[in-house]
C-alpha atoms as a PDB file:
ATOM      1  CA  UNK A   1      -2.879  11.399 -12.670  1.00  0.00           C
ATOM      2  CA  UNK A   2      -1.049  14.509 -11.455  1.00  0.00           C
ATOM      3  CA  UNK A   3      -0.855  15.475  -7.805  1.00  0.00           C
ATOM      4  CA  UNK A   4      -2.931  18.602  -8.572  1.00  0.00           C
ATOM      5  CA  UNK A   5      -5.836  16.531  -9.939  1.00  0.00           C
ATOM      6  CA  UNK A   6      -5.635  14.157  -6.976  1.00  0.00           C
ATOM      7  CA  UNK A   7      -5.775  17.128  -4.588  1.00  0.00           C
ATOM      8  CA  UNK A   8      -8.883  18.511  -6.314  1.00  0.00           C
ATOM      9  CA  UNK A   9     -10.604  15.125  -6.121  1.00  0.00           C
ATOM     10  CA  UNK A  10      -9.679  14.717  -2.459  1.00  0.00           C
ATOM     11  CA  UNK A  11     -10.925  18.223  -1.626  1.00  0.00           C
ATOM     12  CA  UNK A  12     -14.267  17.548  -3.300  1.00  0.00           C
ATOM     13  CA  UNK A  13     -14.606  14.214  -1.540  1.00  0.00           C
ATOM     14  CA  UNK A  14     -13.704  15.763   1.810  1.00  0.00           C
ATOM     15  CA  UNK A  15     -16.360  18.448   1.444  1.00  0.00           C
ATOM     16  CA  UNK A  16     -18.933  15.730   0.779  1.00  0.00           C
ATOM     17  CA  UNK A  17     -17.969  13.687   3.806  1.00  0.00           C
ATOM     18  CA  UNK A  18     -18.165  16.696   6.107  1.00  0.00           C
ATOM     19  CA  UNK A  19     -21.800  17.296   5.235  1.00  0.00           C
ATOM     20  CA  UNK A  20     -24.330  16.631   8.002  1.00  0.00           C
ATOM     21  CA  UNK A  21     -25.575  13.061   7.869  1.00  0.00           C
ATOM     22  CA  UNK A  22     -29.197  11.910   8.315  1.00  0.00           C
ATOM     23  CA  UNK A  23     -29.312  10.697  11.928  1.00  0.00           C
ATOM     24  CA  UNK A  24     -32.645   8.924  11.502  1.00  0.00           C
ATOM     25  CA  UNK A  25     -31.194   6.073   9.434  1.00  0.00           C
ATOM     26  CA  UNK A  26     -29.697   2.882  10.884  1.00  0.00           C
ATOM     27  CA  UNK A  27     -26.387   2.254   9.175  1.00  0.00           C
ATOM     28  CA  UNK A  28     -24.703  -1.120   8.608  1.00  0.00           C
ATOM     29  CA  UNK A  29     -21.368  -1.352  10.445  1.00  0.00           C
ATOM     30  CA  UNK A  30     -18.431  -3.804  10.649  1.00  0.00           C
ATOM     31  CA  UNK A  31     -18.616  -4.841   7.013  1.00  0.00           C
ATOM     32  CA  UNK A  32     -15.021  -5.988   7.580  1.00  0.00           C
ATOM     33  CA  UNK A  33     -13.089  -6.582  10.788  1.00  0.00           C
ATOM     34  CA  UNK A  34     -10.473  -3.918  10.082  1.00  0.00           C
ATOM     35  CA  UNK A  35      -9.284  -1.206   7.721  1.00  0.00           C
ATOM     36  CA  UNK A  36      -7.479  -3.859   5.635  1.00  0.00           C
ATOM     37  CA  UNK A  37      -8.789  -7.049   4.023  1.00  0.00           C
ATOM     38  CA  UNK A  38      -5.341  -8.600   3.523  1.00  0.00           C
ATOM     39  CA  UNK A  39      -3.047  -6.215   1.645  1.00  0.00           C
ATOM     40  CA  UNK A  40      -5.647  -3.801   0.338  1.00  0.00           C
ATOM     41  CA  UNK A  41      -7.876  -1.349   2.153  1.00  0.00           C
ATOM     42  CA  UNK A  42     -11.427  -2.250   3.112  1.00  0.00           C
ATOM     43  CA  UNK A  43     -14.322   0.235   3.093  1.00  0.00           C
ATOM     44  CA  UNK A  44     -13.947   0.607   6.877  1.00  0.00           C
ATOM     45  CA  UNK A  45     -12.852   3.948   8.331  1.00  0.00           C
ATOM     46  CA  UNK A  46     -11.762   4.847  11.845  1.00  0.00           C
ATOM     47  CA  UNK A  47     -13.990   6.871  14.107  1.00  0.00           C
ATOM     48  CA  UNK A  48     -13.352  10.550  14.750  1.00  0.00           C
ATOM     49  CA  UNK A  49     -10.347  10.940  17.041  1.00  0.00           C
ATOM     50  CA  UNK A  50      -9.224   7.305  16.697  1.00  0.00           C
ATOM     51  CA  UNK A  51      -5.544   6.594  16.041  1.00  0.00           C
ATOM     52  CA  UNK A  52      -4.573   3.196  14.623  1.00  0.00           C
ATOM     53  CA  UNK A  53      -1.068   1.757  14.777  1.00  0.00           C
ATOM     54  CA  UNK A  54      -0.707  -0.933  12.116  1.00  0.00           C
ATOM     55  CA  UNK A  55       2.186  -3.386  11.763  1.00  0.00           C
ATOM     56  CA  UNK A  56       2.243  -5.449   8.547  1.00  0.00           C
ATOM     57  CA  UNK A  57       4.794  -8.234   8.074  1.00  0.00           C
ATOM     58  CA  UNK A  58       5.525 -10.581   5.160  1.00  0.00           C
ATOM     59  CA  UNK A  59       8.077 -13.379   5.370  1.00  0.00           C
ATOM     60  CA  UNK A  60       9.904 -14.928   2.417  1.00  0.00           C
ATOM     61  CA  UNK A  61       8.525 -17.552   0.073  1.00  0.00           C
ATOM     62  CA  UNK A  62       7.589 -20.941   1.475  1.00  0.00           C
ATOM     63  CA  UNK A  63       9.208 -22.737  -1.456  1.00  0.00           C
ATOM     64  CA  UNK A  64      12.607 -21.501  -0.280  1.00  0.00           C
ATOM     65  CA  UNK A  65      12.793 -24.798   1.568  1.00  0.00           C
ATOM     66  CA  UNK A  66      14.389 -25.623   4.903  1.00  0.00           C
ATOM     67  CA  UNK A  67      17.565 -23.720   3.996  1.00  0.00           C
ATOM     68  CA  UNK A  68      15.489 -20.514   4.075  1.00  0.00           C
ATOM     69  CA  UNK A  69      13.433 -21.957   6.969  1.00  0.00           C
ATOM     70  CA  UNK A  70      10.291 -21.848   4.784  1.00  0.00           C
ATOM     71  CA  UNK A  71      10.804 -18.150   4.188  1.00  0.00           C
ATOM     72  CA  UNK A  72      11.190 -17.120   7.824  1.00  0.00           C
ATOM     73  CA  UNK A  73      14.804 -16.045   7.218  1.00  0.00           C
ATOM     74  CA  UNK A  74      13.532 -13.108   5.152  1.00  0.00           C
ATOM     75  CA  UNK A  75      10.994 -10.425   5.925  1.00  0.00           C
ATOM     76  CA  UNK A  76       9.344  -7.281   4.612  1.00  0.00           C
ATOM     77  CA  UNK A  77       7.649  -4.951   7.081  1.00  0.00           C
ATOM     78  CA  UNK A  78       5.531  -1.797   7.135  1.00  0.00           C
ATOM     79  CA  UNK A  79       4.685   0.432  10.098  1.00  0.00           C
ATOM     80  CA  UNK A  80       1.766   2.816   9.746  1.00  0.00           C
ATOM     81  CA  UNK A  81      -0.271   5.357  11.671  1.00  0.00           C
ATOM     82  CA  UNK A  82      -3.826   6.187  10.631  1.00  0.00           C
ATOM     83  CA  UNK A  83      -6.123   8.825  12.127  1.00  0.00           C
ATOM     84  CA  UNK A  84      -9.834   9.543  11.964  1.00  0.00           C
ATOM     85  CA  UNK A  85     -10.387  13.251  11.301  1.00  0.00           C
ATOM     86  CA  UNK A  86     -14.100  12.456  11.221  1.00  0.00           C
ATOM     87  CA  UNK A  87     -16.001   9.166  11.207  1.00  0.00           C
ATOM     88  CA  UNK A  88     -15.876   9.307   7.411  1.00  0.00           C
ATOM     89  CA  UNK A  89     -12.525  10.939   6.647  1.00  0.00           C
ATOM     90  CA  UNK A  90      -9.205   9.265   7.555  1.00  0.00           C
ATOM     91  CA  UNK A  91      -5.566  10.009   6.779  1.00  0.00           C
ATOM     92  CA  UNK A  92      -2.503   7.841   7.217  1.00  0.00           C
ATOM     93  CA  UNK A  93       1.262   7.570   6.751  1.00  0.00           C
ATOM     94  CA  UNK A  94       3.598   4.591   6.637  1.00  0.00           C
ATOM     95  CA  UNK A  95       7.132   3.363   6.097  1.00  0.00           C
ATOM     96  CA  UNK A  96       7.983   0.083   4.326  1.00  0.00           C
ATOM     97  CA  UNK A  97      11.230  -1.841   4.147  1.00  0.00           C
ATOM     98  CA  UNK A  98      10.054  -2.809   0.629  1.00  0.00           C
ATOM     99  CA  UNK A  99      11.847  -0.276  -1.580  1.00  0.00           C
ATOM    100  CA  UNK A 100      12.333   1.901   1.519  1.00  0.00           C
ATOM    101  CA  UNK A 101       9.025   3.523   0.649  1.00  0.00           C
ATOM    102  CA  UNK A 102       7.268   6.271   2.540  1.00  0.00           C
ATOM    103  CA  UNK A 103       3.553   6.427   1.791  1.00  0.00           C
ATOM    104  CA  UNK A 104       0.586   8.604   2.677  1.00  0.00           C
ATOM    105  CA  UNK A 105      -3.127   8.311   1.964  1.00  0.00           C
ATOM    106  CA  UNK A 106      -6.514   9.874   2.505  1.00  0.00           C
ATOM    107  CA  UNK A 107      -9.683   7.804   2.713  1.00  0.00           C
ATOM    108  CA  UNK A 108     -13.239   9.115   2.589  1.00  0.00           C
ATOM    109  CA  UNK A 109     -16.476   7.184   3.067  1.00  0.00           C
ATOM    110  CA  UNK A 110     -18.930   8.540   0.520  1.00  0.00           C
ATOM    111  CA  UNK A 111     -21.920   6.285   1.202  1.00  0.00           C
ATOM    112  CA  UNK A 112     -22.786   3.821   3.958  1.00  0.00           C
ATOM    113  CA  UNK A 113     -25.047   0.807   3.625  1.00  0.00           C
ATOM    114  CA  UNK A 114     -28.507   1.214   5.188  1.00  0.00           C
ATOM    115  CA  UNK A 115     -32.155   0.883   4.236  1.00  0.00           C
ATOM    116  CA  UNK A 116     -32.427   2.277   0.727  1.00  0.00           C
ATOM    117  CA  UNK A 117     -28.639   2.202   0.195  1.00  0.00           C
ATOM    118  CA  UNK A 118     -27.412  -1.314  -0.696  1.00  0.00           C
ATOM    119  CA  UNK A 119     -23.638  -0.685  -0.497  1.00  0.00           C
ATOM    120  CA  UNK A 120     -20.926   1.199   1.332  1.00  0.00           C
ATOM    121  CA  UNK A 121     -18.645   3.242  -0.939  1.00  0.00           C
ATOM    122  CA  UNK A 122     -15.240   4.592   0.127  1.00  0.00           C
ATOM    123  CA  UNK A 123     -12.722   6.552  -1.953  1.00  0.00           C
ATOM    124  CA  UNK A 124      -8.974   6.072  -1.376  1.00  0.00           C
ATOM    125  CA  UNK A 125      -6.136   8.137  -2.817  1.00  0.00           C
ATOM    126  CA  UNK A 126      -2.507   7.463  -1.914  1.00  0.00           C
ATOM    127  CA  UNK A 127       1.050   8.341  -2.860  1.00  0.00           C
ATOM    128  CA  UNK A 128       4.324   6.490  -2.285  1.00  0.00           C
ATOM    129  CA  UNK A 129       7.935   7.542  -2.768  1.00  0.00           C
ATOM    130  CA  UNK A 130      10.879   5.180  -3.212  1.00  0.00           C
ATOM    131  CA  UNK A 131      13.918   6.322  -1.182  1.00  0.00           C
ATOM    132  CA  UNK A 132      16.389   3.604  -2.210  1.00  0.00           C
ATOM    133  CA  UNK A 133      19.876   4.926  -2.923  1.00  0.00           C
ATOM    134  CA  UNK A 134      21.142   4.489  -6.477  1.00  0.00           C
ATOM    135  CA  UNK A 135      24.520   2.865  -7.003  1.00  0.00           C
ATOM    136  CA  UNK A 136      27.501   4.781  -8.321  1.00  0.00           C
ATOM    137  CA  UNK A 137      27.055   3.075 -11.709  1.00  0.00           C
ATOM    138  CA  UNK A 138      23.469   4.307 -12.091  1.00  0.00           C
ATOM    139  CA  UNK A 139      22.258   7.729 -13.102  1.00  0.00           C
ATOM    140  CA  UNK A 140      20.787   9.792 -10.246  1.00  0.00           C
ATOM    141  CA  UNK A 141      17.008   9.323 -10.010  1.00  0.00           C
ATOM    142  CA  UNK A 142      15.124  12.630  -9.666  1.00  0.00           C
ATOM    143  CA  UNK A 143      12.702  12.863  -6.748  1.00  0.00           C
ATOM    144  CA  UNK A 144       9.704  13.325  -9.037  1.00  0.00           C
ATOM    145  CA  UNK A 145      10.489  10.045 -10.822  1.00  0.00           C
ATOM    146  CA  UNK A 146      10.337   8.165  -7.506  1.00  0.00           C
ATOM    147  CA  UNK A 147       6.623   8.841  -6.914  1.00  0.00           C
ATOM    148  CA  UNK A 148       3.714   6.520  -7.627  1.00  0.00           C
ATOM    149  CA  UNK A 149       0.015   7.290  -7.034  1.00  0.00           C
ATOM    150  CA  UNK A 150      -3.017   5.067  -6.503  1.00  0.00           C
ATOM    151  CA  UNK A 151      -6.741   5.784  -6.595  1.00  0.00           C
ATOM    152  CA  UNK A 152      -9.425   3.277  -5.612  1.00  0.00           C
ATOM    153  CA  UNK A 153     -13.180   3.212  -5.324  1.00  0.00           C
ATOM    154  CA  UNK A 154     -14.042   0.602  -2.685  1.00  0.00           C
ATOM    155  CA  UNK A 155     -17.589  -0.756  -3.009  1.00  0.00           C
ATOM    156  CA  UNK A 156     -18.817  -3.296  -0.448  1.00  0.00           C
ATOM    157  CA  UNK A 157     -21.969  -4.942   0.824  1.00  0.00           C
ATOM    158  CA  UNK A 158     -22.567  -6.863   4.027  1.00  0.00           C
ATOM    159  CA  UNK A 159     -24.910  -9.814   3.470  1.00  0.00           C
ATOM    160  CA  UNK A 160     -26.043 -10.479   7.015  1.00  0.00           C
ATOM    161  CA  UNK A 161     -23.570 -11.211   9.808  1.00  0.00           C
ATOM    162  CA  UNK A 162     -21.792 -14.035   8.003  1.00  0.00           C
ATOM    163  CA  UNK A 163     -20.599 -12.663   4.665  1.00  0.00           C
ATOM    164  CA  UNK A 164     -19.259  -9.424   3.160  1.00  0.00           C
ATOM    165  CA  UNK A 165     -18.063  -8.729  -0.387  1.00  0.00           C
ATOM    166  CA  UNK A 166     -16.036  -5.841  -1.816  1.00  0.00           C
ATOM    167  CA  UNK A 167     -15.041  -4.724  -5.324  1.00  0.00           C
ATOM    168  CA  UNK A 168     -12.110  -2.336  -5.771  1.00  0.00           C
ATOM    169  CA  UNK A 169     -11.606  -0.671  -9.185  1.00  0.00           C
ATOM    170  CA  UNK A 170      -8.025   0.623  -9.070  1.00  0.00           C
ATOM    171  CA  UNK A 171      -5.920   3.159 -10.962  1.00  0.00           C
ATOM    172  CA  UNK A 172      -2.124   3.303 -10.555  1.00  0.00           C
ATOM    173  CA  UNK A 173       0.089   6.068 -11.958  1.00  0.00           C
ATOM    174  CA  UNK A 174       3.857   5.559 -12.158  1.00  0.00           C
ATOM    175  CA  UNK A 175       5.858   8.702 -12.841  1.00  0.00           C
ATOM    176  CA  UNK A 176       8.661   6.458 -14.105  1.00  0.00           C
ATOM    177  CA  UNK A 177       8.241   3.150 -15.975  1.00  0.00           C
ATOM    178  CA  UNK A 178      10.805   0.683 -17.313  1.00  0.00           C
ATOM    179  CA  UNK A 179      10.640   1.725 -20.961  1.00  0.00           C
ATOM    180  CA  UNK A 180       8.811   4.068 -23.337  1.00  0.00           C
ATOM    181  CA  UNK A 181       6.464   1.337 -24.565  1.00  0.00           C
ATOM    182  CA  UNK A 182       4.854   0.998 -21.136  1.00  0.00           C
ATOM    183  CA  UNK A 183       1.965   3.265 -20.149  1.00  0.00           C
ATOM    184  CA  UNK A 184       2.271   5.353 -17.009  1.00  0.00           C
ATOM    185  CA  UNK A 185      -1.320   4.571 -16.000  1.00  0.00           C
ATOM    186  CA  UNK A 186      -2.250   0.989 -15.037  1.00  0.00           C
ATOM    187  CA  UNK A 187      -5.669  -0.411 -14.130  1.00  0.00           C
ATOM    188  CA  UNK A 188      -6.823  -3.378 -12.052  1.00  0.00           C
ATOM    189  CA  UNK A 189     -10.000  -4.631 -10.391  1.00  0.00           C
ATOM    190  CA  UNK A 190      -9.832  -6.092  -6.912  1.00  0.00           C
ATOM    191  CA  UNK A 191     -12.272  -8.337  -5.054  1.00  0.00           C
ATOM    192  CA  UNK A 192     -12.306  -9.160  -1.366  1.00  0.00           C
ATOM    193  CA  UNK A 193     -14.546 -11.154   0.938  1.00  0.00           C
ATOM    194  CA  UNK A 194     -15.030 -11.903   4.620  1.00  0.00           C
ATOM    195  CA  UNK A 195     -16.686 -15.059   5.946  1.00  0.00           C
ATOM    196  CA  UNK A 196     -17.488 -14.794   9.647  1.00  0.00           C
ATOM    197  CA  UNK A 197     -17.104 -18.117  11.482  1.00  0.00           C
ATOM    198  CA  UNK A 198     -17.590 -16.957  15.078  1.00  0.00           C
ATOM    199  CA  UNK A 199     -17.918 -13.614  16.828  1.00  0.00           C
ATOM    200  CA  UNK A 200     -14.129 -13.314  16.968  1.00  0.00           C
ATOM    201  CA  UNK A 201     -12.883 -15.398  14.011  1.00  0.00           C
ATOM    202  CA  UNK A 202     -13.330 -14.911  10.267  1.00  0.00           C
ATOM    203  CA  UNK A 203     -11.821 -15.972   6.926  1.00  0.00           C
ATOM    204  CA  UNK A 204     -10.604 -13.279   4.535  1.00  0.00           C
ATOM    205  CA  UNK A 205     -10.028 -13.575   0.770  1.00  0.00           C
ATOM    206  CA  UNK A 206      -8.497 -11.022  -1.612  1.00  0.00           C
ATOM    207  CA  UNK A 207      -7.629 -10.989  -5.314  1.00  0.00           C
ATOM    208  CA  UNK A 208      -6.651  -8.267  -7.805  1.00  0.00           C
ATOM    209  CA  UNK A 209      -7.101  -8.898 -11.527  1.00  0.00           C
ATOM    210  CA  UNK A 210      -4.558  -7.040 -13.638  1.00  0.00           C
ATOM    211  CA  UNK A 211      -6.265  -5.674 -16.722  1.00  0.00           C
ATOM    212  CA  UNK A 212      -4.399  -6.731 -19.905  1.00  0.00           C
ATOM    213  CA  UNK A 213      -2.378  -4.218 -21.872  1.00  0.00           C
ATOM    214  CA  UNK A 214      -1.036  -2.260 -18.904  1.00  0.00           C
ATOM    215  CA  UNK A 215       1.246  -4.408 -16.743  1.00  0.00           C
ATOM    216  CA  UNK A 216       4.651  -5.904 -17.665  1.00  0.00           C
ATOM    217  CA  UNK A 217       4.559  -9.576 -18.648  1.00  0.00           C
ATOM    218  CA  UNK A 218       6.285 -10.790 -15.476  1.00  0.00           C
ATOM    219  CA  UNK A 219       3.667  -9.293 -13.115  1.00  0.00           C
ATOM    220  CA  UNK A 220       1.204 -11.640 -11.422  1.00  0.00           C
ATOM    221  CA  UNK A 221      -2.211 -11.017  -9.939  1.00  0.00           C
ATOM    222  CA  UNK A 222      -1.942 -10.844  -6.133  1.00  0.00           C
ATOM    223  CA  UNK A 223      -3.991 -13.439  -4.283  1.00  0.00           C
ATOM    224  CA  UNK A 224      -4.369 -13.871  -0.540  1.00  0.00           C
ATOM    225  CA  UNK A 225      -6.291 -15.949   1.988  1.00  0.00           C
ATOM    226  CA  UNK A 226      -6.182 -15.664   5.752  1.00  0.00           C
ATOM    227  CA  UNK A 227      -7.833 -15.547   9.154  1.00  0.00           C
ATOM    228  CA  UNK A 228      -8.995 -12.495  11.099  1.00  0.00           C
ATOM    229  CA  UNK A 229      -9.012 -12.616  14.900  1.00  0.00           C
ATOM    230  CA  UNK A 230     -10.833  -9.695  16.502  1.00  0.00           C
ATOM    231  CA  UNK A 231     -10.413  -8.709  20.151  1.00  0.00           C
ATOM    232  CA  UNK A 232     -11.177  -5.532  22.067  1.00  0.00           C
ATOM    233  CA  UNK A 233      -9.011  -2.846  20.485  1.00  0.00           C
ATOM    234  CA  UNK A 234      -6.956  -5.271  18.362  1.00  0.00           C
ATOM    235  CA  UNK A 235      -7.331  -7.051  15.033  1.00  0.00           C
ATOM    236  CA  UNK A 236      -4.886  -9.889  14.235  1.00  0.00           C
ATOM    237  CA  UNK A 237      -4.783 -11.014  10.599  1.00  0.00           C
ATOM    238  CA  UNK A 238      -2.798 -14.118   9.614  1.00  0.00           C
ATOM    239  CA  UNK A 239      -2.596 -14.889   5.913  1.00  0.00           C
ATOM    240  CA  UNK A 240      -0.830 -16.424   2.913  1.00  0.00           C
ATOM    241  CA  UNK A 241      -0.198 -14.334  -0.208  1.00  0.00           C
ATOM    242  CA  UNK A 242       2.063 -14.183  -3.251  1.00  0.00           C
ATOM    243  CA  UNK A 243       2.717 -10.445  -2.701  1.00  0.00           C
ATOM    244  CA  UNK A 244       5.665  -9.103  -0.706  1.00  0.00           C
ATOM    245  CA  UNK A 245       4.626  -5.442  -0.649  1.00  0.00           C
ATOM    246  CA  UNK A 246       1.966  -3.845   1.531  1.00  0.00           C
ATOM    247  CA  UNK A 247       1.286  -0.643  -0.415  1.00  0.00           C
ATOM    248  CA  UNK A 248      -0.850  -0.402  -3.568  1.00  0.00           C
ATOM    249  CA  UNK A 249       1.924   0.306  -6.064  1.00  0.00           C
ATOM    250  CA  UNK A 250       3.791  -2.758  -4.794  1.00  0.00           C
ATOM    251  CA  UNK A 251       1.291  -5.537  -4.178  1.00  0.00           C
ATOM    252  CA  UNK A 252      -0.891  -4.637  -7.198  1.00  0.00           C
ATOM    253  CA  UNK A 253       1.707  -3.437  -9.693  1.00  0.00           C
ATOM    254  CA  UNK A 254       4.908  -5.262  -8.760  1.00  0.00           C
ATOM    255  CA  UNK A 255       4.000  -8.783  -7.601  1.00  0.00           C
ATOM    256  CA  UNK A 256       6.001 -11.454  -9.456  1.00  0.00           C
ATOM    257  CA  UNK A 257       5.305 -14.473  -7.244  1.00  0.00           C
ATOM    258  CA  UNK A 258       3.273 -17.299  -8.799  1.00  0.00           C
ATOM    259  CA  UNK A 259       0.897 -19.234  -6.531  1.00  0.00           C
ATOM    260  CA  UNK A 260       1.022 -22.273  -8.828  1.00  0.00           C
ATOM    261  CA  UNK A 261       4.816 -22.442  -8.422  1.00  0.00           C
ATOM    262  CA  UNK A 262       4.640 -22.186  -4.660  1.00  0.00           C
ATOM    263  CA  UNK A 263       5.714 -18.537  -4.432  1.00  0.00           C
ATOM    264  CA  UNK A 264       3.586 -18.092  -1.317  1.00  0.00           C
ATOM    265  CA  UNK A 265       4.488 -15.971   1.691  1.00  0.00           C
ATOM    266  CA  UNK A 266       3.150 -16.158   5.213  1.00  0.00           C
ATOM    267  CA  UNK A 267       2.365 -12.808   6.773  1.00  0.00           C
ATOM    268  CA  UNK A 268       0.340 -10.956   9.344  1.00  0.00           C
ATOM    269  CA  UNK A 269      -1.214  -7.585  10.167  1.00  0.00           C
ATOM    270  CA  UNK A 270      -1.587  -6.398  13.742  1.00  0.00           C
ATOM    271  CA  UNK A 271      -3.552  -3.243  14.502  1.00  0.00           C
ATOM    272  CA  UNK A 272      -4.197  -1.385  17.733  1.00  0.00           C
ATOM    273  CA  UNK A 273      -6.697   1.471  17.930  1.00  0.00           C
ATOM    274  CA  UNK A 274      -6.261   4.252  20.485  1.00  0.00           C
ATOM    275  CA  UNK A 275      -9.224   6.523  21.155  1.00  0.00           C
ATOM    276  CA  UNK A 276      -7.818  10.012  21.550  1.00  0.00           C
ATOM    277  CA  UNK A 277     -11.092  11.931  21.373  1.00  0.00           C
ATOM    278  CA  UNK A 278     -14.484  11.720  23.018  1.00  0.00           C
ATOM    279  CA  UNK A 279     -16.928   9.687  20.912  1.00  0.00           C
ATOM    280  CA  UNK A 280     -20.426  11.052  20.534  1.00  0.00           C
END
């Protein structure tokens, strides 16, 4: 999908989210503890004027053994800032050590669960650019070829206080692929869940199924399980996953680790929300 089409979609979505909302309805909130489930986005959006600082960290594979100190000798990290333009429209930017990527996204909540509306629906569109230097032996890589785009429709329902479920149909567009036989557009379907154990502690699960016919043969479906610890202003997420990347093009489209072979990485997300504006 071209950047022009993505911009048109985002503009239309933004106009929708800026419409006046019906204040007489009681909306369901805290479907998930944070804006991420494990690697992928949740349906949650920040409030208007809220700024979130998010640190995501993935160590190396546990099956590296004691020589690699169970993966702790290696690390991949992403720093990100996300801002709530309105309660339903967020934007964010980030920088990853994985591929030296810069990424940016916009996220709009289209529908929110309430009486008469069984689900919350959020639209996410993002772009990432690889800034790795090419070696002297390689041909220069044009800037346009370094971009990848992702579009997701996040659909979630909160079943009481103890359980939430999300489905995430996903479209990835790579401007550059490995060979001419590969399509530039790839599709996957994600699923995530939260099981609340106590007021502060929950279990999170996340899986993305790679639809056949799109992804290279060595790519594996990303799977993650972890714990969410919620405190005032902070969310700590500790988890195990076979994905090293923390942006959509990486953890969905480029995961090669196999859970069954022990290619599992310990990681964490830490977020801190700063309220810069007056909440109504």
